N, C-alpha and C. Protein backbone atom coordinates (compact mmCIF):
# COMPACT_ATOMS: atom_id res chain seq x y z
N MET A 1 34.95 20.09 -42.67
CA MET A 1 34.92 18.65 -42.81
C MET A 1 33.61 18.14 -42.24
N ALA A 2 32.94 17.33 -42.99
CA ALA A 2 31.64 16.80 -42.58
C ALA A 2 31.82 15.64 -41.62
N LYS A 3 30.91 15.57 -40.63
CA LYS A 3 30.96 14.46 -39.67
C LYS A 3 30.49 13.19 -40.35
N PRO A 4 31.16 12.07 -40.05
CA PRO A 4 30.70 10.82 -40.63
C PRO A 4 29.36 10.43 -39.99
N LYS A 5 28.45 9.95 -40.81
CA LYS A 5 27.13 9.56 -40.32
C LYS A 5 27.20 8.17 -39.72
N ASN A 6 26.46 8.01 -38.65
CA ASN A 6 26.31 6.70 -38.03
C ASN A 6 25.54 5.82 -39.00
N GLU A 7 25.94 4.55 -39.16
CA GLU A 7 25.25 3.71 -40.13
C GLU A 7 23.81 3.43 -39.72
N ASN A 8 23.45 3.54 -38.42
CA ASN A 8 22.08 3.32 -37.98
C ASN A 8 21.23 4.58 -38.12
N GLU A 9 21.83 5.67 -38.50
CA GLU A 9 21.11 6.94 -38.52
C GLU A 9 20.92 7.42 -39.95
N ASN A 10 19.70 7.74 -40.30
CA ASN A 10 19.49 8.34 -41.61
C ASN A 10 19.32 9.83 -41.42
N SER A 11 18.99 10.53 -42.46
CA SER A 11 18.91 11.99 -42.38
C SER A 11 17.78 12.46 -41.48
N ASN A 12 16.80 11.62 -41.15
CA ASN A 12 15.69 12.00 -40.28
C ASN A 12 16.04 11.89 -38.80
N GLY A 13 17.16 11.30 -38.46
CA GLY A 13 17.53 11.13 -37.06
C GLY A 13 16.90 9.90 -36.43
N GLU A 14 16.56 8.89 -37.26
CA GLU A 14 15.92 7.68 -36.73
C GLU A 14 16.81 6.95 -35.74
N GLY A 15 18.09 6.99 -35.92
CA GLY A 15 19.02 6.30 -35.00
C GLY A 15 18.91 6.84 -33.59
N ARG A 16 18.84 8.17 -33.49
CA ARG A 16 18.69 8.79 -32.17
C ARG A 16 17.36 8.40 -31.54
N LEU A 17 16.31 8.33 -32.34
CA LEU A 17 14.99 7.96 -31.85
C LEU A 17 15.01 6.53 -31.31
N LYS A 18 15.63 5.63 -32.05
CA LYS A 18 15.71 4.24 -31.60
C LYS A 18 16.48 4.14 -30.28
N THR A 19 17.55 4.91 -30.16
CA THR A 19 18.33 4.90 -28.93
C THR A 19 17.51 5.42 -27.76
N LYS A 20 16.76 6.50 -27.99
CA LYS A 20 15.91 7.05 -26.93
C LYS A 20 14.82 6.06 -26.53
N LEU A 21 14.25 5.37 -27.51
CA LEU A 21 13.23 4.37 -27.22
C LEU A 21 13.80 3.22 -26.39
N ARG A 22 15.00 2.77 -26.75
CA ARG A 22 15.65 1.71 -25.98
C ARG A 22 15.92 2.16 -24.55
N ASP A 23 16.38 3.41 -24.39
CA ASP A 23 16.64 3.94 -23.06
C ASP A 23 15.36 4.03 -22.24
N ALA A 24 14.27 4.49 -22.87
CA ALA A 24 12.99 4.60 -22.17
C ALA A 24 12.46 3.23 -21.79
N THR A 25 12.60 2.27 -22.68
CA THR A 25 12.14 0.91 -22.41
C THR A 25 12.94 0.32 -21.24
N GLY A 26 14.22 0.52 -21.25
CA GLY A 26 15.06 0.02 -20.16
C GLY A 26 14.68 0.64 -18.82
N ALA A 27 14.41 1.94 -18.82
CA ALA A 27 14.01 2.61 -17.58
C ALA A 27 12.67 2.08 -17.09
N PHE A 28 11.75 1.83 -18.02
CA PHE A 28 10.44 1.28 -17.65
C PHE A 28 10.59 -0.11 -17.04
N GLU A 29 11.40 -0.96 -17.66
CA GLU A 29 11.60 -2.31 -17.15
C GLU A 29 12.26 -2.28 -15.76
N ASP A 30 13.19 -1.37 -15.55
CA ASP A 30 13.83 -1.23 -14.23
C ASP A 30 12.81 -0.80 -13.18
N ALA A 31 11.92 0.11 -13.55
CA ALA A 31 10.90 0.57 -12.61
C ALA A 31 9.96 -0.57 -12.23
N ILE A 32 9.59 -1.38 -13.19
CA ILE A 32 8.70 -2.52 -12.91
C ILE A 32 9.39 -3.50 -11.96
N LYS A 33 10.65 -3.78 -12.21
CA LYS A 33 11.39 -4.70 -11.34
C LYS A 33 11.47 -4.15 -9.92
N GLY A 34 11.69 -2.85 -9.81
CA GLY A 34 11.78 -2.22 -8.48
C GLY A 34 10.48 -2.31 -7.73
N LYS A 35 9.36 -2.11 -8.42
CA LYS A 35 8.06 -2.21 -7.77
C LYS A 35 7.75 -3.65 -7.37
N ALA A 36 8.20 -4.60 -8.15
CA ALA A 36 7.91 -6.00 -7.85
C ALA A 36 8.63 -6.44 -6.57
N LEU A 37 9.75 -5.80 -6.26
CA LEU A 37 10.49 -6.17 -5.06
C LEU A 37 9.89 -5.59 -3.79
N LYS A 38 9.07 -4.54 -3.93
CA LYS A 38 8.44 -3.95 -2.75
C LYS A 38 7.32 -4.85 -2.27
N ARG A 39 7.05 -4.79 -0.96
CA ARG A 39 5.94 -5.58 -0.45
C ARG A 39 4.62 -4.93 -0.82
N ALA A 40 3.58 -5.72 -0.73
CA ALA A 40 2.26 -5.23 -1.14
C ALA A 40 1.82 -4.06 -0.27
N LYS A 41 1.14 -3.16 -0.87
CA LYS A 41 0.61 -2.01 -0.15
C LYS A 41 -0.65 -2.43 0.59
N TYR A 42 -0.79 -1.98 1.81
CA TYR A 42 -1.97 -2.29 2.61
C TYR A 42 -3.09 -1.33 2.27
N ILE A 43 -4.28 -1.87 2.06
CA ILE A 43 -5.47 -1.05 1.87
C ILE A 43 -6.38 -1.33 3.05
N LEU A 44 -6.59 -0.31 3.88
CA LEU A 44 -7.34 -0.44 5.13
C LEU A 44 -8.54 0.48 5.12
N ARG A 45 -9.67 -0.01 5.63
CA ARG A 45 -10.88 0.79 5.79
C ARG A 45 -11.33 0.66 7.24
N LEU A 46 -11.50 1.78 7.90
CA LEU A 46 -11.95 1.80 9.28
C LEU A 46 -13.34 2.40 9.32
N TYR A 47 -14.30 1.60 9.76
CA TYR A 47 -15.69 2.04 9.86
C TYR A 47 -15.94 2.46 11.31
N VAL A 48 -16.38 3.70 11.51
CA VAL A 48 -16.60 4.26 12.85
C VAL A 48 -18.01 4.83 12.95
N THR A 49 -18.42 5.09 14.19
CA THR A 49 -19.74 5.69 14.44
C THR A 49 -19.53 7.10 14.99
N GLY A 50 -19.46 8.05 14.11
CA GLY A 50 -19.30 9.44 14.53
C GLY A 50 -18.01 9.66 15.30
N SER A 51 -18.12 10.47 16.34
CA SER A 51 -16.93 10.77 17.17
C SER A 51 -17.10 10.20 18.57
N SER A 52 -17.59 8.97 18.63
CA SER A 52 -17.73 8.30 19.93
C SER A 52 -16.34 8.00 20.50
N GLY A 53 -16.30 7.70 21.77
CA GLY A 53 -15.02 7.42 22.42
C GLY A 53 -14.28 6.26 21.79
N LYS A 54 -14.99 5.15 21.55
CA LYS A 54 -14.35 3.98 20.93
C LYS A 54 -13.86 4.30 19.52
N SER A 55 -14.63 5.04 18.78
CA SER A 55 -14.24 5.39 17.41
C SER A 55 -12.98 6.25 17.41
N LEU A 56 -12.92 7.23 18.29
CA LEU A 56 -11.73 8.09 18.36
C LEU A 56 -10.50 7.30 18.79
N ARG A 57 -10.67 6.38 19.76
CA ARG A 57 -9.54 5.53 20.19
C ARG A 57 -9.08 4.64 19.04
N ALA A 58 -10.04 4.09 18.30
CA ALA A 58 -9.69 3.22 17.18
C ALA A 58 -8.89 3.99 16.12
N VAL A 59 -9.32 5.19 15.80
CA VAL A 59 -8.59 6.01 14.82
C VAL A 59 -7.18 6.30 15.32
N HIS A 60 -7.07 6.71 16.58
CA HIS A 60 -5.77 7.02 17.16
C HIS A 60 -4.87 5.78 17.18
N ASN A 61 -5.38 4.65 17.65
CA ASN A 61 -4.58 3.42 17.74
C ASN A 61 -4.14 2.94 16.36
N LEU A 62 -5.03 3.01 15.38
CA LEU A 62 -4.69 2.55 14.04
C LEU A 62 -3.66 3.47 13.39
N LYS A 63 -3.83 4.75 13.54
CA LYS A 63 -2.87 5.71 12.96
C LYS A 63 -1.48 5.49 13.56
N LYS A 64 -1.42 5.28 14.86
CA LYS A 64 -0.14 5.03 15.53
C LYS A 64 0.49 3.73 15.03
N LEU A 65 -0.31 2.68 14.91
CA LEU A 65 0.18 1.39 14.43
C LEU A 65 0.72 1.51 13.00
N CYS A 66 -0.03 2.18 12.15
CA CYS A 66 0.39 2.34 10.75
C CYS A 66 1.68 3.16 10.65
N ASP A 67 1.78 4.23 11.42
CA ASP A 67 2.98 5.07 11.38
C ASP A 67 4.21 4.30 11.84
N GLU A 68 4.04 3.45 12.85
CA GLU A 68 5.18 2.71 13.41
C GLU A 68 5.58 1.51 12.56
N HIS A 69 4.62 0.81 11.96
CA HIS A 69 4.92 -0.46 11.33
C HIS A 69 4.77 -0.50 9.82
N LEU A 70 4.05 0.43 9.24
CA LEU A 70 3.82 0.40 7.79
C LEU A 70 4.44 1.58 7.06
N SER A 71 5.01 2.52 7.79
CA SER A 71 5.54 3.77 7.23
C SER A 71 4.54 4.37 6.23
N ASN A 72 4.90 4.53 4.98
CA ASN A 72 3.97 5.11 3.99
C ASN A 72 3.41 4.06 3.05
N ASP A 73 3.43 2.81 3.49
CA ASP A 73 3.02 1.71 2.63
C ASP A 73 1.58 1.28 2.87
N TYR A 74 0.69 2.25 3.09
CA TYR A 74 -0.70 1.91 3.34
C TYR A 74 -1.62 3.02 2.84
N ASP A 75 -2.86 2.61 2.61
CA ASP A 75 -3.92 3.53 2.23
C ASP A 75 -5.03 3.34 3.26
N LEU A 76 -5.30 4.36 4.05
CA LEU A 76 -6.30 4.27 5.11
C LEU A 76 -7.46 5.20 4.81
N GLU A 77 -8.67 4.65 4.88
CA GLU A 77 -9.87 5.45 4.70
C GLU A 77 -10.74 5.25 5.93
N VAL A 78 -11.15 6.34 6.57
CA VAL A 78 -12.04 6.27 7.72
C VAL A 78 -13.44 6.63 7.24
N ILE A 79 -14.38 5.72 7.49
CA ILE A 79 -15.75 5.88 7.00
C ILE A 79 -16.69 5.97 8.19
N ASP A 80 -17.42 7.08 8.29
CA ASP A 80 -18.41 7.27 9.34
C ASP A 80 -19.72 6.64 8.86
N ILE A 81 -20.17 5.59 9.55
CA ILE A 81 -21.36 4.90 9.07
C ILE A 81 -22.64 5.70 9.31
N TYR A 82 -22.59 6.72 10.15
CA TYR A 82 -23.74 7.61 10.28
C TYR A 82 -23.92 8.45 9.02
N LYS A 83 -22.80 8.86 8.43
CA LYS A 83 -22.85 9.69 7.23
C LYS A 83 -23.00 8.85 5.95
N ASP A 84 -22.48 7.61 5.98
CA ASP A 84 -22.52 6.76 4.80
C ASP A 84 -22.95 5.34 5.17
N PRO A 85 -24.23 5.16 5.53
CA PRO A 85 -24.69 3.83 5.94
C PRO A 85 -24.63 2.80 4.81
N GLU A 86 -24.73 3.25 3.57
CA GLU A 86 -24.67 2.32 2.44
C GLU A 86 -23.31 1.64 2.36
N ALA A 87 -22.24 2.37 2.66
CA ALA A 87 -20.89 1.78 2.63
C ALA A 87 -20.78 0.67 3.67
N ALA A 88 -21.38 0.88 4.84
CA ALA A 88 -21.35 -0.15 5.89
C ALA A 88 -22.16 -1.37 5.45
N ARG A 89 -23.28 -1.15 4.79
CA ARG A 89 -24.10 -2.27 4.30
C ARG A 89 -23.33 -3.07 3.26
N GLU A 90 -22.69 -2.38 2.33
CA GLU A 90 -21.94 -3.06 1.27
C GLU A 90 -20.78 -3.89 1.83
N ALA A 91 -20.13 -3.38 2.88
CA ALA A 91 -19.00 -4.09 3.48
C ALA A 91 -19.45 -5.09 4.55
N GLN A 92 -20.76 -5.18 4.76
CA GLN A 92 -21.35 -6.09 5.74
C GLN A 92 -20.81 -5.84 7.15
N ILE A 93 -20.79 -4.57 7.54
CA ILE A 93 -20.33 -4.17 8.86
C ILE A 93 -21.52 -4.24 9.82
N ILE A 94 -21.37 -5.01 10.92
CA ILE A 94 -22.47 -5.14 11.88
C ILE A 94 -22.12 -4.52 13.23
N ALA A 95 -20.85 -4.12 13.41
CA ALA A 95 -20.42 -3.47 14.66
C ALA A 95 -19.41 -2.40 14.30
N ALA A 96 -19.30 -1.43 15.18
CA ALA A 96 -18.33 -0.36 14.92
C ALA A 96 -17.64 -0.02 16.24
N PRO A 97 -16.38 0.34 16.20
CA PRO A 97 -15.51 0.46 15.03
C PRO A 97 -15.07 -0.91 14.51
N THR A 98 -14.92 -0.99 13.19
CA THR A 98 -14.44 -2.20 12.52
C THR A 98 -13.38 -1.81 11.51
N LEU A 99 -12.25 -2.50 11.58
CA LEU A 99 -11.17 -2.31 10.61
C LEU A 99 -11.26 -3.44 9.60
N VAL A 100 -11.22 -3.10 8.31
CA VAL A 100 -11.22 -4.09 7.24
C VAL A 100 -9.91 -3.96 6.48
N LYS A 101 -9.16 -5.07 6.43
CA LYS A 101 -7.93 -5.11 5.62
C LYS A 101 -8.30 -5.73 4.29
N LYS A 102 -8.30 -4.92 3.23
CA LYS A 102 -8.67 -5.41 1.91
C LYS A 102 -7.47 -6.03 1.19
N LEU A 103 -6.34 -5.38 1.27
CA LEU A 103 -5.12 -5.90 0.65
C LEU A 103 -3.99 -5.79 1.66
N PRO A 104 -3.03 -6.66 1.64
CA PRO A 104 -2.95 -7.86 0.83
C PRO A 104 -3.95 -8.91 1.30
N GLN A 105 -4.28 -9.81 0.39
CA GLN A 105 -5.24 -10.88 0.69
C GLN A 105 -4.70 -11.75 1.80
N PRO A 106 -5.46 -12.40 2.60
CA PRO A 106 -6.91 -12.48 2.61
C PRO A 106 -7.52 -11.27 3.32
N ILE A 107 -8.79 -11.00 3.02
CA ILE A 107 -9.51 -9.92 3.69
C ILE A 107 -9.70 -10.31 5.15
N ARG A 108 -9.45 -9.36 6.05
CA ARG A 108 -9.64 -9.61 7.48
C ARG A 108 -10.39 -8.45 8.09
N LYS A 109 -11.15 -8.76 9.16
CA LYS A 109 -11.91 -7.73 9.87
C LYS A 109 -11.56 -7.79 11.35
N PHE A 110 -11.42 -6.60 11.95
CA PHE A 110 -11.10 -6.47 13.37
C PHE A 110 -12.13 -5.53 13.99
N VAL A 111 -12.77 -5.97 15.06
CA VAL A 111 -13.80 -5.17 15.70
C VAL A 111 -13.28 -4.67 17.04
N GLY A 112 -13.56 -3.40 17.35
CA GLY A 112 -13.17 -2.82 18.63
C GLY A 112 -12.31 -1.59 18.44
N ASP A 113 -11.72 -1.14 19.56
CA ASP A 113 -10.94 0.10 19.51
C ASP A 113 -9.49 -0.11 19.07
N LEU A 114 -9.14 -1.34 18.67
CA LEU A 114 -7.81 -1.68 18.14
C LEU A 114 -6.69 -1.43 19.14
N SER A 115 -7.01 -1.57 20.43
CA SER A 115 -6.00 -1.32 21.45
C SER A 115 -5.07 -2.52 21.65
N ASN A 116 -5.47 -3.71 21.22
CA ASN A 116 -4.61 -4.89 21.33
C ASN A 116 -3.68 -4.93 20.12
N THR A 117 -2.59 -4.21 20.23
CA THR A 117 -1.66 -4.03 19.11
C THR A 117 -1.09 -5.35 18.62
N GLN A 118 -0.73 -6.23 19.54
CA GLN A 118 -0.14 -7.52 19.16
C GLN A 118 -1.10 -8.31 18.26
N LYS A 119 -2.36 -8.35 18.66
CA LYS A 119 -3.36 -9.09 17.89
C LYS A 119 -3.55 -8.48 16.50
N ILE A 120 -3.56 -7.17 16.42
CA ILE A 120 -3.72 -6.50 15.12
C ILE A 120 -2.51 -6.76 14.23
N LEU A 121 -1.31 -6.67 14.79
CA LEU A 121 -0.09 -6.91 14.01
C LEU A 121 -0.06 -8.33 13.45
N VAL A 122 -0.45 -9.30 14.27
CA VAL A 122 -0.48 -10.68 13.79
C VAL A 122 -1.57 -10.84 12.73
N GLY A 123 -2.73 -10.25 12.95
CA GLY A 123 -3.82 -10.33 11.99
C GLY A 123 -3.51 -9.67 10.66
N LEU A 124 -2.72 -8.62 10.68
CA LEU A 124 -2.31 -7.93 9.45
C LEU A 124 -1.10 -8.58 8.79
N ASP A 125 -0.55 -9.63 9.42
CA ASP A 125 0.64 -10.33 8.94
C ASP A 125 1.88 -9.45 8.96
N ILE A 126 1.89 -8.47 9.83
CA ILE A 126 3.06 -7.58 9.92
C ILE A 126 4.19 -8.26 10.68
N TYR A 127 3.86 -8.99 11.74
CA TYR A 127 4.92 -9.69 12.49
C TYR A 127 5.65 -10.67 11.61
N GLN A 128 4.90 -11.43 10.82
CA GLN A 128 5.51 -12.41 9.94
C GLN A 128 6.45 -11.72 8.95
N ARG A 129 6.03 -10.62 8.38
CA ARG A 129 6.86 -9.88 7.43
C ARG A 129 8.10 -9.32 8.12
N GLN A 130 7.93 -8.80 9.34
CA GLN A 130 9.05 -8.22 10.06
C GLN A 130 10.08 -9.30 10.40
N ASP A 131 9.62 -10.48 10.84
CA ASP A 131 10.53 -11.59 11.15
C ASP A 131 11.30 -12.02 9.91
N LEU A 132 10.63 -12.11 8.78
CA LEU A 132 11.26 -12.50 7.54
C LEU A 132 12.32 -11.47 7.13
N LYS A 133 11.98 -10.20 7.29
CA LYS A 133 12.91 -9.12 6.95
C LYS A 133 14.16 -9.20 7.85
N ASP A 134 13.95 -9.48 9.13
CA ASP A 134 15.07 -9.60 10.06
C ASP A 134 15.96 -10.79 9.68
N GLN A 135 15.35 -11.90 9.28
CA GLN A 135 16.13 -13.08 8.89
C GLN A 135 16.97 -12.79 7.65
N LEU A 136 16.39 -12.07 6.70
CA LEU A 136 17.13 -11.74 5.48
C LEU A 136 18.29 -10.80 5.76
N ASN A 137 18.11 -9.92 6.74
CA ASN A 137 19.18 -8.97 7.09
C ASN A 137 20.19 -9.57 8.04
N GLY A 138 19.97 -10.83 8.49
CA GLY A 138 20.93 -11.49 9.36
C GLY A 138 20.83 -11.06 10.81
N ALA A 139 19.68 -10.55 11.23
CA ALA A 139 19.52 -10.11 12.61
C ALA A 139 19.25 -11.28 13.53
């Protein structure tokens, strides 16, 4: 006994193709919605002068801050201005170490060894985001 054909399906299997396309489109739309709900990813650039004491402290302090407050939601690039002076010129860096927050907007710059964690958190708008998250969770 022959199976009855689906009225949307011809002998080429177009019906199955349309169903797969609809499923793929739905998955794509769901992925876009999921990404839209996530907060913006931080793009950070730290300009340092070799392995000086202040530069090493700045790298350590920033890495600790990012691990504690941003989890994996950041992109950090450490740029040695001795090795790449053109990058420092382009970013208009006049002192080192300097942290530049490119995203989310607005661009902000922090100079020093980044040991004042409270000031950095406020400058990066992390405290504001954390307070908002706590309010939404009913804390």
